[in-house]
């Protein structure tokens, strides 16, 4: 049973920053592509950032230039640095492989951006 545990969310003012972390129960190096996803109220879950072996990254247009995805092999974590947060970034954030696997979804971490 793979477990992914997200942390680091909270209430942030618009323009502020937050750093999310995802602890994996499997070696992150065993996976080709990791992703951070988010789901806002009433909306479908969406991919916001992905990172592949070799540290190639890709971002959704809405977060390009503001979010940075990274991995730490020593800590076995996947992180998402979020800067210049906007109210529309409010969502529950999840990590998963890409493409996502249903049984890998964790509880997520809530990020709320106040205006």
PDB file of N, CA and C in Angstrom:
ATOM      1  N   UNK A   1       0.844  -1.179   0.000  1.00  0.00           N
ATOM      2  CA  UNK A   1       0.000   0.000   0.000  1.00  0.00           C
ATOM      3  C   UNK A   1       0.890   1.244   0.000  1.00  0.00           C
ATOM      4  N   UNK A   2       0.837   1.999  -1.085  1.00  0.00           N
ATOM      5  CA  UNK A   2       1.627   3.222  -1.180  1.00  0.00           C
ATOM      6  C   UNK A   2       0.914   4.330  -0.425  1.00  0.00           C
ATOM      7  N   UNK A   3       1.680   5.076   0.339  1.00  0.00           N
ATOM      8  CA  UNK A   3       1.129   6.222   1.061  1.00  0.00           C
ATOM      9  C   UNK A   3       1.856   7.493   0.658  1.00  0.00           C
ATOM     10  N   UNK A   4       1.083   8.500   0.342  1.00  0.00           N
ATOM     11  CA  UNK A   4       1.608   9.823   0.057  1.00  0.00           C
ATOM     12  C   UNK A   4       0.973  10.783   1.057  1.00  0.00           C
ATOM     13  N   UNK A   5       1.803  11.491   1.799  1.00  0.00           N
ATOM     14  CA  UNK A   5       1.302  12.376   2.844  1.00  0.00           C
ATOM     15  C   UNK A   5       1.733  13.800   2.541  1.00  0.00           C
ATOM     16  N   UNK A   6       0.736  14.644   2.271  1.00  0.00           N
ATOM     17  CA  UNK A   6       0.996  16.039   1.956  1.00  0.00           C
ATOM     18  C   UNK A   6       0.936  16.894   3.213  1.00  0.00           C
ATOM     19  N   UNK A   7       1.750  17.936   3.246  1.00  0.00           N
ATOM     20  CA  UNK A   7       1.745  18.856   4.381  1.00  0.00           C
ATOM     21  C   UNK A   7       2.183  20.230   3.905  1.00  0.00           C
ATOM     22  N   UNK A   8       1.982  21.233   4.771  1.00  0.00           N
ATOM     23  CA  UNK A   8       2.468  22.566   4.485  1.00  0.00           C
ATOM     24  C   UNK A   8       1.418  23.572   4.091  1.00  0.00           C
ATOM     25  N   UNK A   9       0.170  23.137   3.988  1.00  0.00           N
ATOM     26  CA  UNK A   9      -0.883  24.071   3.619  1.00  0.00           C
ATOM     27  C   UNK A   9      -1.267  24.971   4.779  1.00  0.00           C
ATOM     28  N   UNK A  10      -2.208  25.845   4.504  1.00  0.00           N
ATOM     29  CA  UNK A  10      -2.682  26.755   5.538  1.00  0.00           C
ATOM     30  C   UNK A  10      -3.328  27.968   4.922  1.00  0.00           C
ATOM     31  N   UNK A  11      -3.504  28.976   5.759  1.00  0.00           N
ATOM     32  CA  UNK A  11      -4.102  30.236   5.320  1.00  0.00           C
ATOM     33  C   UNK A  11      -2.990  31.221   4.999  1.00  0.00           C
ATOM     34  N   UNK A  12      -3.018  31.764   3.791  1.00  0.00           N
ATOM     35  CA  UNK A  12      -1.984  32.681   3.326  1.00  0.00           C
ATOM     36  C   UNK A  12      -2.648  33.916   2.717  1.00  0.00           C
ATOM     37  N   UNK A  13      -2.055  35.055   2.922  1.00  0.00           N
ATOM     38  CA  UNK A  13      -2.569  36.270   2.292  1.00  0.00           C
ATOM     39  C   UNK A  13      -2.139  36.314   0.829  1.00  0.00           C
ATOM     40  N   UNK A  14      -2.953  36.939   0.029  1.00  0.00           N
ATOM     41  CA  UNK A  14      -2.606  37.113  -1.381  1.00  0.00           C
ATOM     42  C   UNK A  14      -1.242  37.797  -1.488  1.00  0.00           C
ATOM     43  N   UNK A  15      -0.428  37.278  -2.404  1.00  0.00           N
ATOM     44  CA  UNK A  15       0.923  37.775  -2.555  1.00  0.00           C
ATOM     45  C   UNK A  15       1.948  37.051  -1.708  1.00  0.00           C
ATOM     46  N   UNK A  16       1.461  36.219  -0.807  1.00  0.00           N
ATOM     47  CA  UNK A  16       2.361  35.479   0.075  1.00  0.00           C
ATOM     48  C   UNK A  16       2.858  34.192  -0.542  1.00  0.00           C
ATOM     49  N   UNK A  17       3.563  33.420   0.269  1.00  0.00           N
ATOM     50  CA  UNK A  17       4.178  32.179  -0.201  1.00  0.00           C
ATOM     51  C   UNK A  17       3.834  31.030   0.732  1.00  0.00           C
ATOM     52  N   UNK A  18       3.939  29.824   0.181  1.00  0.00           N
ATOM     53  CA  UNK A  18       3.779  28.609   0.974  1.00  0.00           C
ATOM     54  C   UNK A  18       4.610  27.520   0.317  1.00  0.00           C
ATOM     55  N   UNK A  19       5.035  26.586   1.124  1.00  0.00           N
ATOM     56  CA  UNK A  19       5.813  25.462   0.593  1.00  0.00           C
ATOM     57  C   UNK A  19       5.135  24.162   1.022  1.00  0.00           C
ATOM     58  N   UNK A  20       4.750  23.379   0.061  1.00  0.00           N
ATOM     59  CA  UNK A  20       4.105  22.096   0.318  1.00  0.00           C
ATOM     60  C   UNK A  20       5.131  20.981   0.193  1.00  0.00           C
ATOM     61  N   UNK A  21       4.926  19.952   0.988  1.00  0.00           N
ATOM     62  CA  UNK A  21       5.815  18.799   0.953  1.00  0.00           C
ATOM     63  C   UNK A  21       4.990  17.521   0.879  1.00  0.00           C
ATOM     64  N   UNK A  22       5.514  16.548   0.169  1.00  0.00           N
ATOM     65  CA  UNK A  22       4.847  15.251   0.015  1.00  0.00           C
ATOM     66  C   UNK A  22       5.844  14.165   0.389  1.00  0.00           C
ATOM     67  N   UNK A  23       5.523  13.434   1.438  1.00  0.00           N
ATOM     68  CA  UNK A  23       6.358  12.318   1.874  1.00  0.00           C
ATOM     69  C   UNK A  23       5.804  11.029   1.290  1.00  0.00           C
ATOM     70  N   UNK A  24       6.684  10.273   0.639  1.00  0.00           N
ATOM     71  CA  UNK A  24       6.251   9.051  -0.043  1.00  0.00           C
ATOM     72  C   UNK A  24       6.763   7.810   0.693  1.00  0.00           C
ATOM     73  N   UNK A  25       5.939   6.766   0.676  1.00  0.00           N
ATOM     74  CA  UNK A  25       6.336   5.508   1.324  1.00  0.00           C
ATOM     75  C   UNK A  25       7.118   4.604   0.368  1.00  0.00           C
ATOM     76  N   UNK A  26       7.282   5.046  -0.864  1.00  0.00           N
ATOM     77  CA  UNK A  26       8.105   4.337  -1.841  1.00  0.00           C
ATOM     78  C   UNK A  26       9.241   5.259  -2.263  1.00  0.00           C
ATOM     79  N   UNK A  27      10.289   4.695  -2.806  1.00  0.00           N
ATOM     80  CA  UNK A  27      11.387   5.525  -3.269  1.00  0.00           C
ATOM     81  C   UNK A  27      10.924   6.402  -4.419  1.00  0.00           C
ATOM     82  N   UNK A  28      11.089   7.716  -4.261  1.00  0.00           N
ATOM     83  CA  UNK A  28      10.620   8.621  -5.312  1.00  0.00           C
ATOM     84  C   UNK A  28      11.434   8.422  -6.590  1.00  0.00           C
ATOM     85  N   UNK A  29      12.625   7.854  -6.451  1.00  0.00           N
ATOM     86  CA  UNK A  29      13.460   7.625  -7.637  1.00  0.00           C
ATOM     87  C   UNK A  29      12.958   6.456  -8.480  1.00  0.00           C
ATOM     88  N   UNK A  30      12.014   5.690  -7.925  1.00  0.00           N
ATOM     89  CA  UNK A  30      11.459   4.568  -8.674  1.00  0.00           C
ATOM     90  C   UNK A  30      10.351   4.994  -9.633  1.00  0.00           C
ATOM     91  N   UNK A  31       9.994   6.294  -9.571  1.00  0.00           N
ATOM     92  CA  UNK A  31       8.904   6.825 -10.381  1.00  0.00           C
ATOM     93  C   UNK A  31       9.452   7.801 -11.411  1.00  0.00           C
ATOM     94  N   UNK A  32       8.994   7.687 -12.661  1.00  0.00           N
ATOM     95  CA  UNK A  32       9.499   8.564 -13.717  1.00  0.00           C
ATOM     96  C   UNK A  32       9.037   9.999 -13.553  1.00  0.00           C
ATOM     97  N   UNK A  33       7.732  10.162 -13.272  1.00  0.00           N
ATOM     98  CA  UNK A  33       7.171  11.509 -13.198  1.00  0.00           C
ATOM     99  C   UNK A  33       6.279  11.656 -11.978  1.00  0.00           C
ATOM    100  N   UNK A  34       6.529  12.696 -11.215  1.00  0.00           N
ATOM    101  CA  UNK A  34       5.690  13.072 -10.077  1.00  0.00           C
ATOM    102  C   UNK A  34       4.935  14.346 -10.419  1.00  0.00           C
ATOM    103  N   UNK A  35       3.769  14.464  -9.812  1.00  0.00           N
ATOM    104  CA  UNK A  35       2.988  15.670 -10.061  1.00  0.00           C
ATOM    105  C   UNK A  35       2.348  16.211  -8.804  1.00  0.00           C
ATOM    106  N   UNK A  36       2.092  17.496  -8.821  1.00  0.00           N
ATOM    107  CA  UNK A  36       1.251  18.134  -7.808  1.00  0.00           C
ATOM    108  C   UNK A  36      -0.051  18.525  -8.503  1.00  0.00           C
ATOM    109  N   UNK A  37      -1.130  18.195  -7.840  1.00  0.00           N
ATOM    110  CA  UNK A  37      -2.459  18.454  -8.366  1.00  0.00           C
ATOM    111  C   UNK A  37      -3.228  19.311  -7.353  1.00  0.00           C
ATOM    112  N   UNK A  38      -4.301  19.909  -7.816  1.00  0.00           N
ATOM    113  CA  UNK A  38      -5.154  20.642  -6.885  1.00  0.00           C
ATOM    114  C   UNK A  38      -6.606  20.525  -7.306  1.00  0.00           C
ATOM    115  N   UNK A  39      -7.467  20.653  -6.319  1.00  0.00           N
ATOM    116  CA  UNK A  39      -8.900  20.628  -6.571  1.00  0.00           C
ATOM    117  C   UNK A  39      -9.565  21.737  -5.780  1.00  0.00           C
ATOM    118  N   UNK A  40     -10.107  22.686  -6.514  1.00  0.00           N
ATOM    119  CA  UNK A  40     -10.837  23.786  -5.896  1.00  0.00           C
ATOM    120  C   UNK A  40     -12.304  23.385  -5.739  1.00  0.00           C
ATOM    121  N   UNK A  41     -13.008  24.022  -4.824  1.00  0.00           N
ATOM    122  CA  UNK A  41     -14.422  23.689  -4.619  1.00  0.00           C
ATOM    123  C   UNK A  41     -15.228  23.787  -5.906  1.00  0.00           C
ATOM    124  N   UNK A  42     -15.957  22.736  -6.213  1.00  0.00           N
ATOM    125  CA  UNK A  42     -16.803  22.743  -7.391  1.00  0.00           C
ATOM    126  C   UNK A  42     -16.077  22.545  -8.704  1.00  0.00           C
ATOM    127  N   UNK A  43     -14.783  22.270  -8.640  1.00  0.00           N
ATOM    128  CA  UNK A  43     -14.008  22.104  -9.873  1.00  0.00           C
ATOM    129  C   UNK A  43     -13.344  20.732  -9.902  1.00  0.00           C
ATOM    130  N   UNK A  44     -12.938  20.339 -11.090  1.00  0.00           N
ATOM    131  CA  UNK A  44     -12.230  19.065 -11.239  1.00  0.00           C
ATOM    132  C   UNK A  44     -10.786  19.200 -10.771  1.00  0.00           C
ATOM    133  N   UNK A  45     -10.237  18.089 -10.350  1.00  0.00           N
ATOM    134  CA  UNK A  45      -8.832  18.078  -9.967  1.00  0.00           C
ATOM    135  C   UNK A  45      -7.980  18.337 -11.212  1.00  0.00           C
ATOM    136  N   UNK A  46      -6.939  19.150 -11.032  1.00  0.00           N
ATOM    137  CA  UNK A  46      -6.090  19.495 -12.162  1.00  0.00           C
ATOM    138  C   UNK A  46      -4.625  19.352 -11.792  1.00  0.00           C
ATOM    139  N   UNK A  47      -3.818  19.065 -12.792  1.00  0.00           N
ATOM    140  CA  UNK A  47      -2.372  19.003 -12.620  1.00  0.00           C
ATOM    141  C   UNK A  47      -1.817  20.419 -12.664  1.00  0.00           C
ATOM    142  N   UNK A  48      -1.017  20.779 -11.674  1.00  0.00           N
ATOM    143  CA  UNK A  48      -0.420  22.116 -11.687  1.00  0.00           C
ATOM    144  C   UNK A  48       1.072  22.090 -11.970  1.00  0.00           C
ATOM    145  N   UNK A  49       1.737  20.995 -11.623  1.00  0.00           N
ATOM    146  CA  UNK A  49       3.173  20.939 -11.861  1.00  0.00           C
ATOM    147  C   UNK A  49       3.608  19.479 -11.917  1.00  0.00           C
ATOM    148  N   UNK A  50       4.628  19.207 -12.731  1.00  0.00           N
ATOM    149  CA  UNK A  50       5.159  17.859 -12.847  1.00  0.00           C
ATOM    150  C   UNK A  50       6.675  17.924 -12.959  1.00  0.00           C
ATOM    151  N   UNK A  51       7.316  16.864 -12.480  1.00  0.00           N
ATOM    152  CA  UNK A  51       8.769  16.780 -12.561  1.00  0.00           C
ATOM    153  C   UNK A  51       9.147  15.354 -12.927  1.00  0.00           C
ATOM    154  N   UNK A  52      10.084  15.233 -13.873  1.00  0.00           N
ATOM    155  CA  UNK A  52      10.483  13.913 -14.333  1.00  0.00           C
ATOM    156  C   UNK A  52      11.917  13.619 -13.908  1.00  0.00           C
ATOM    157  N   UNK A  53      12.308  12.375 -14.098  1.00  0.00           N
ATOM    158  CA  UNK A  53      13.702  11.985 -13.882  1.00  0.00           C
ATOM    159  C   UNK A  53      14.575  12.894 -14.730  1.00  0.00           C
ATOM    160  N   UNK A  54      15.595  13.456 -14.137  1.00  0.00           N
ATOM    161  CA  UNK A  54      16.420  14.425 -14.829  1.00  0.00           C
ATOM    162  C   UNK A  54      16.004  15.847 -14.519  1.00  0.00           C
ATOM    163  N   UNK A  55      14.962  15.957 -13.642  1.00  0.00           N
ATOM    164  CA  UNK A  55      14.492  17.260 -13.162  1.00  0.00           C
ATOM    165  C   UNK A  55      13.897  18.135 -14.253  1.00  0.00           C
ATOM    166  N   UNK A  56      13.319  17.508 -15.261  1.00  0.00           N
ATOM    167  CA  UNK A  56      12.559  18.292 -16.240  1.00  0.00           C
ATOM    168  C   UNK A  56      11.215  18.621 -15.602  1.00  0.00           C
ATOM    169  N   UNK A  57      10.808  19.877 -15.716  1.00  0.00           N
ATOM    170  CA  UNK A  57       9.573  20.316 -15.077  1.00  0.00           C
ATOM    171  C   UNK A  57       8.592  20.889 -16.088  1.00  0.00           C
ATOM    172  N   UNK A  58       7.325  20.853 -15.700  1.00  0.00           N
ATOM    173  CA  UNK A  58       6.276  21.403 -16.542  1.00  0.00           C
ATOM    174  C   UNK A  58       5.202  21.980 -15.626  1.00  0.00           C
ATOM    175  N   UNK A  59       4.610  23.094 -16.039  1.00  0.00           N
ATOM    176  CA  UNK A  59       3.655  23.781 -15.183  1.00  0.00           C
ATOM    177  C   UNK A  59       2.400  24.161 -15.954  1.00  0.00           C
ATOM    178  N   UNK A  60       1.303  24.201 -15.236  1.00  0.00           N
ATOM    179  CA  UNK A  60       0.085  24.751 -15.809  1.00  0.00           C
ATOM    180  C   UNK A  60       0.296  26.241 -16.042  1.00  0.00           C
ATOM    181  N   UNK A  61      -0.337  26.753 -17.070  1.00  0.00           N
ATOM    182  CA  UNK A  61      -0.161  28.154 -17.406  1.00  0.00           C
ATOM    183  C   UNK A  61      -0.513  29.105 -16.278  1.00  0.00           C
ATOM    184  N   UNK A  62      -1.490  28.702 -15.464  1.00  0.00           N
ATOM    185  CA  UNK A  62      -1.961  29.580 -14.387  1.00  0.00           C
ATOM    186  C   UNK A  62      -0.956  29.728 -13.252  1.00  0.00           C
ATOM    187  N   UNK A  63       0.038  28.828 -13.175  1.00  0.00           N
ATOM    188  CA  UNK A  63       1.011  28.895 -12.081  1.00  0.00           C
ATOM    189  C   UNK A  63       2.431  29.096 -12.592  1.00  0.00           C
ATOM    190  N   UNK A  64       2.617  29.078 -13.908  1.00  0.00           N
ATOM    191  CA  UNK A  64       3.950  29.244 -14.496  1.00  0.00           C
ATOM    192  C   UNK A  64       4.599  30.522 -13.964  1.00  0.00           C
ATOM    193  N   UNK A  65       5.836  30.395 -13.518  1.00  0.00           N
ATOM    194  CA  UNK A  65       6.564  31.546 -13.016  1.00  0.00           C
ATOM    195  C   UNK A  65       6.326  31.842 -11.544  1.00  0.00           C
ATOM    196  N   UNK A  66       5.338  31.176 -10.939  1.00  0.00           N
ATOM    197  CA  UNK A  66       5.035  31.406  -9.522  1.00  0.00           C
ATOM    198  C   UNK A  66       5.295  30.159  -8.677  1.00  0.00           C
ATOM    199  N   UNK A  67       5.092  28.996  -9.242  1.00  0.00           N
ATOM    200  CA  UNK A  67       5.268  27.727  -8.528  1.00  0.00           C
ATOM    201  C   UNK A  67       6.526  27.015  -9.022  1.00  0.00           C
ATOM    202  N   UNK A  68       7.170  26.306  -8.102  1.00  0.00           N
ATOM    203  CA  UNK A  68       8.342  25.509  -8.453  1.00  0.00           C
ATOM    204  C   UNK A  68       8.237  24.136  -7.805  1.00  0.00           C
ATOM    205  N   UNK A  69       8.302  23.102  -8.624  1.00  0.00           N
ATOM    206  CA  UNK A  69       8.273  21.729  -8.124  1.00  0.00           C
ATOM    207  C   UNK A  69       9.702  21.211  -8.043  1.00  0.00           C
ATOM    208  N   UNK A  70       9.969  20.429  -7.006  1.00  0.00           N
ATOM    209  CA  UNK A  70      11.312  19.868  -6.843  1.00  0.00           C
ATOM    210  C   UNK A  70      11.226  18.565  -6.070  1.00  0.00           C
ATOM    211  N   UNK A  71      12.288  17.806  -6.126  1.00  0.00           N
ATOM    212  CA  UNK A  71      12.370  16.565  -5.361  1.00  0.00           C
ATOM    213  C   UNK A  71      13.627  16.581  -4.500  1.00  0.00           C
ATOM    214  N   UNK A  72      13.572  15.869  -3.394  1.00  0.00           N
ATOM    215  CA  UNK A  72      14.716  15.716  -2.503  1.00  0.00           C
ATOM    216  C   UNK A  72      14.886  14.219  -2.276  1.00  0.00           C
ATOM    217  N   UNK A  73      15.867  13.638  -2.954  1.00  0.00           N
ATOM    218  CA  UNK A  73      16.046  12.186  -2.863  1.00  0.00           C
ATOM    219  C   UNK A  73      16.468  11.757  -1.458  1.00  0.00           C
ATOM    220  N   UNK A  74      17.238  12.582  -0.792  1.00  0.00           N
ATOM    221  CA  UNK A  74      17.703  12.243   0.556  1.00  0.00           C
ATOM    222  C   UNK A  74      16.530  12.160   1.529  1.00  0.00           C
ATOM    223  N   UNK A  75      15.579  13.079   1.393  1.00  0.00           N
ATOM    224  CA  UNK A  75      14.407  13.098   2.272  1.00  0.00           C
ATOM    225  C   UNK A  75      13.247  12.303   1.693  1.00  0.00           C
ATOM    226  N   UNK A  76      13.399  11.884   0.431  1.00  0.00           N
ATOM    227  CA  UNK A  76      12.345  11.143  -0.255  1.00  0.00           C
ATOM    228  C   UNK A  76      11.032  11.928  -0.300  1.00  0.00           C
ATOM    229  N   UNK A  77      11.140  13.197  -0.670  1.00  0.00           N
ATOM    230  CA  UNK A  77       9.970  14.066  -0.708  1.00  0.00           C
ATOM    231  C   UNK A  77       9.882  14.794  -2.046  1.00  0.00           C
ATOM    232  N   UNK A  78       8.675  15.224  -2.336  1.00  0.00           N
ATOM    233  CA  UNK A  78       8.399  16.067  -3.494  1.00  0.00           C
ATOM    234  C   UNK A  78       7.820  17.371  -2.950  1.00  0.00           C
ATOM    235  N   UNK A  79       8.355  18.483  -3.349  1.00  0.00           N
ATOM    236  CA  UNK A  79       7.935  19.766  -2.795  1.00  0.00           C
ATOM    237  C   UNK A  79       7.332  20.662  -3.874  1.00  0.00           C
ATOM    238  N   UNK A  80       6.540  21.605  -3.409  1.00  0.00           N
ATOM    239  CA  UNK A  80       5.976  22.617  -4.296  1.00  0.00           C
ATOM    240  C   UNK A  80       6.107  23.965  -3.604  1.00  0.00           C
ATOM    241  N   UNK A  81       6.981  24.802  -4.113  1.00  0.00           N
ATOM    242  CA  UNK A  81       7.140  26.163  -3.609  1.00  0.00           C
ATOM    243  C   UNK A  81       6.170  27.048  -4.371  1.00  0.00           C
ATOM    244  N   UNK A  82       5.341  27.746  -3.630  1.00  0.00           N
ATOM    245  CA  UNK A  82       4.315  28.586  -4.246  1.00  0.00           C
ATOM    246  C   UNK A  82       4.527  30.027  -3.816  1.00  0.00           C
ATOM    247  N   UNK A  83       4.774  30.889  -4.764  1.00  0.00           N
ATOM    248  CA  UNK A  83       4.999  32.302  -4.500  1.00  0.00           C
ATOM    249  C   UNK A  83       3.908  33.140  -5.156  1.00  0.00           C
ATOM    250  N   UNK A  84       3.793  34.369  -4.680  1.00  0.00           N
ATOM    251  CA  UNK A  84       2.803  35.305  -5.228  1.00  0.00           C
ATOM    252  C   UNK A  84       1.431  34.636  -5.348  1.00  0.00           C
ATOM    253  N   UNK A  85       0.998  34.059  -4.253  1.00  0.00           N
ATOM    254  CA  UNK A  85      -0.260  33.325  -4.270  1.00  0.00           C
ATOM    255  C   UNK A  85      -1.441  34.247  -4.512  1.00  0.00           C
ATOM    256  N   UNK A  86      -2.429  33.700  -5.198  1.00  0.00           N
ATOM    257  CA  UNK A  86      -3.638  34.434  -5.546  1.00  0.00           C
ATOM    258  C   UNK A  86      -4.860  33.718  -4.954  1.00  0.00           C
ATOM    259  N   UNK A  87      -5.946  34.433  -4.729  1.00  0.00           N
ATOM    260  CA  UNK A  87      -7.144  33.773  -4.195  1.00  0.00           C
ATOM    261  C   UNK A  87      -7.584  32.577  -5.039  1.00  0.00           C
ATOM    262  N   UNK A  88      -7.359  32.643  -6.336  1.00  0.00           N
ATOM    263  CA  UNK A  88      -7.761  31.525  -7.209  1.00  0.00           C
ATOM    264  C   UNK A  88      -6.871  30.298  -7.050  1.00  0.00           C
ATOM    265  N   UNK A  89      -5.808  30.405  -6.262  1.00  0.00           N
ATOM    266  CA  UNK A  89      -4.980  29.235  -5.946  1.00  0.00           C
ATOM    267  C   UNK A  89      -5.566  28.433  -4.786  1.00  0.00           C
ATOM    268  N   UNK A  90      -6.606  28.942  -4.174  1.00  0.00           N
ATOM    269  CA  UNK A  90      -7.252  28.238  -3.065  1.00  0.00           C
ATOM    270  C   UNK A  90      -7.764  26.877  -3.534  1.00  0.00           C
ATOM    271  N   UNK A  91      -7.321  25.836  -2.855  1.00  0.00           N
ATOM    272  CA  UNK A  91      -7.678  24.469  -3.259  1.00  0.00           C
ATOM    273  C   UNK A  91      -7.067  23.485  -2.268  1.00  0.00           C
ATOM    274  N   UNK A  92      -7.456  22.235  -2.409  1.00  0.00           N
ATOM    275  CA  UNK A  92      -6.751  21.145  -1.732  1.00  0.00           C
ATOM    276  C   UNK A  92      -5.683  20.654  -2.706  1.00  0.00           C
ATOM    277  N   UNK A  93      -4.465  20.564  -2.231  1.00  0.00           N
ATOM    278  CA  UNK A  93      -3.336  20.172  -3.057  1.00  0.00           C
ATOM    279  C   UNK A  93      -2.914  18.738  -2.729  1.00  0.00           C
ATOM    280  N   UNK A  94      -2.653  17.983  -3.778  1.00  0.00           N
ATOM    281  CA  UNK A  94      -2.267  16.586  -3.662  1.00  0.00           C
ATOM    282  C   UNK A  94      -1.018  16.307  -4.486  1.00  0.00           C
ATOM    283  N   UNK A  95      -0.249  15.332  -4.055  1.00  0.00           N
ATOM    284  CA  UNK A  95       0.810  14.824  -4.922  1.00  0.00           C
ATOM    285  C   UNK A  95       0.398  13.421  -5.379  1.00  0.00           C
ATOM    286  N   UNK A  96       0.920  13.023  -6.514  1.00  0.00           N
ATOM    287  CA  UNK A  96       0.663  11.705  -7.067  1.00  0.00           C
ATOM    288  C   UNK A  96       1.655  11.514  -8.197  1.00  0.00           C
ATOM    289  N   UNK A  97       1.731  10.322  -8.705  1.00  0.00           N
ATOM    290  CA  UNK A  97       2.542  10.091  -9.883  1.00  0.00           C
ATOM    291  C   UNK A  97       1.792  10.682 -11.073  1.00  0.00           C
ATOM    292  N   UNK A  98       2.477  10.745 -12.228  1.00  0.00           N
ATOM    293  CA  UNK A  98       1.812  11.182 -13.445  1.00  0.00           C
ATOM    294  C   UNK A  98       2.036  10.127 -14.523  1.00  0.00           C
ATOM    295  N   UNK A  99       0.954   9.648 -15.143  1.00  0.00           N
ATOM    296  CA  UNK A  99      -0.443   9.918 -14.837  1.00  0.00           C
ATOM    297  C   UNK A  99      -0.808   9.415 -13.438  1.00  0.00           C
ATOM    298  N   UNK A 100      -1.787  10.026 -12.815  1.00  0.00           N
ATOM    299  CA  UNK A 100      -2.112   9.671 -11.439  1.00  0.00           C
ATOM    300  C   UNK A 100      -2.717   8.275 -11.316  1.00  0.00           C
ATOM    301  N   UNK A 101      -2.432   7.640 -10.185  1.00  0.00           N
ATOM    302  CA  UNK A 101      -3.007   6.345  -9.853  1.00  0.00           C
ATOM    303  C   UNK A 101      -4.040   6.535  -8.757  1.00  0.00           C
ATOM    304  N   UNK A 102      -5.204   5.936  -8.951  1.00  0.00           N
ATOM    305  CA  UNK A 102      -6.323   6.146  -8.040  1.00  0.00           C
ATOM    306  C   UNK A 102      -5.977   5.794  -6.614  1.00  0.00           C
ATOM    307  N   UNK A 103      -5.277   4.698  -6.423  1.00  0.00           N
ATOM    308  CA  UNK A 103      -4.996   4.257  -5.059  1.00  0.00           C
ATOM    309  C   UNK A 103      -3.795   4.956  -4.439  1.00  0.00           C
ATOM    310  N   UNK A 104      -3.249   5.939  -5.125  1.00  0.00           N
ATOM    311  CA  UNK A 104      -2.131   6.709  -4.561  1.00  0.00           C
ATOM    312  C   UNK A 104      -2.593   8.034  -3.937  1.00  0.00           C
ATOM    313  N   UNK A 105      -3.845   8.425  -4.181  1.00  0.00           N
ATOM    314  CA  UNK A 105      -4.283   9.725  -3.655  1.00  0.00           C
ATOM    315  C   UNK A 105      -4.240   9.721  -2.134  1.00  0.00           C
ATOM    316  N   UNK A 106      -3.664  10.782  -1.566  1.00  0.00           N
ATOM    317  CA  UNK A 106      -3.653  10.946  -0.130  1.00  0.00           C
ATOM    318  C   UNK A 106      -4.752  11.890   0.301  1.00  0.00           C
ATOM    319  N   UNK A 107      -4.608  12.426   1.512  1.00  0.00           N
ATOM    320  CA  UNK A 107      -5.628  13.323   2.057  1.00  0.00           C
ATOM    321  C   UNK A 107      -5.537  14.727   1.475  1.00  0.00           C
ATOM    322  N   UNK A 108      -4.361  15.048   0.985  1.00  0.00           N
ATOM    323  CA  UNK A 108      -4.166  16.394   0.462  1.00  0.00           C
ATOM    324  C   UNK A 108      -3.915  17.392   1.585  1.00  0.00           C
ATOM    325  N   UNK A 109      -3.579  18.599   1.189  1.00  0.00           N
ATOM    326  CA  UNK A 109      -3.379  19.675   2.159  1.00  0.00           C
ATOM    327  C   UNK A 109      -4.084  20.927   1.639  1.00  0.00           C
ATOM    328  N   UNK A 110      -4.850  21.554   2.516  1.00  0.00           N
ATOM    329  CA  UNK A 110      -5.656  22.712   2.113  1.00  0.00           C
ATOM    330  C   UNK A 110      -4.798  23.967   2.078  1.00  0.00           C
ATOM    331  N   UNK A 111      -4.900  24.688   0.985  1.00  0.00           N
ATOM    332  CA  UNK A 111      -4.282  26.009   0.873  1.00  0.00           C
ATOM    333  C   UNK A 111      -5.407  27.011   0.631  1.00  0.00           C
ATOM    334  N   UNK A 112      -5.493  27.985   1.501  1.00  0.00           N
ATOM    335  CA  UNK A 112      -6.505  29.027   1.369  1.00  0.00           C
ATOM    336  C   UNK A 112      -5.809  30.364   1.258  1.00  0.00           C
ATOM    337  N   UNK A 113      -6.082  31.082   0.181  1.00  0.00           N
ATOM    338  CA  UNK A 113      -5.448  32.375  -0.051  1.00  0.00           C
ATOM    339  C   UNK A 113      -6.501  33.460   0.126  1.00  0.00           C
ATOM    340  N   UNK A 114      -6.264  34.332   1.079  1.00  0.00           N
ATOM    341  CA  UNK A 114      -7.220  35.407   1.355  1.00  0.00           C
ATOM    342  C   UNK A 114      -6.833  36.671   0.591  1.00  0.00           C
ATOM    343  N   UNK A 115      -7.836  37.386   0.165  1.00  0.00           N
ATOM    344  CA  UNK A 115      -7.568  38.598  -0.620  1.00  0.00           C
ATOM    345  C   UNK A 115      -7.445  39.815   0.271  1.00  0.00           C
TER     346      UNK A 115
END
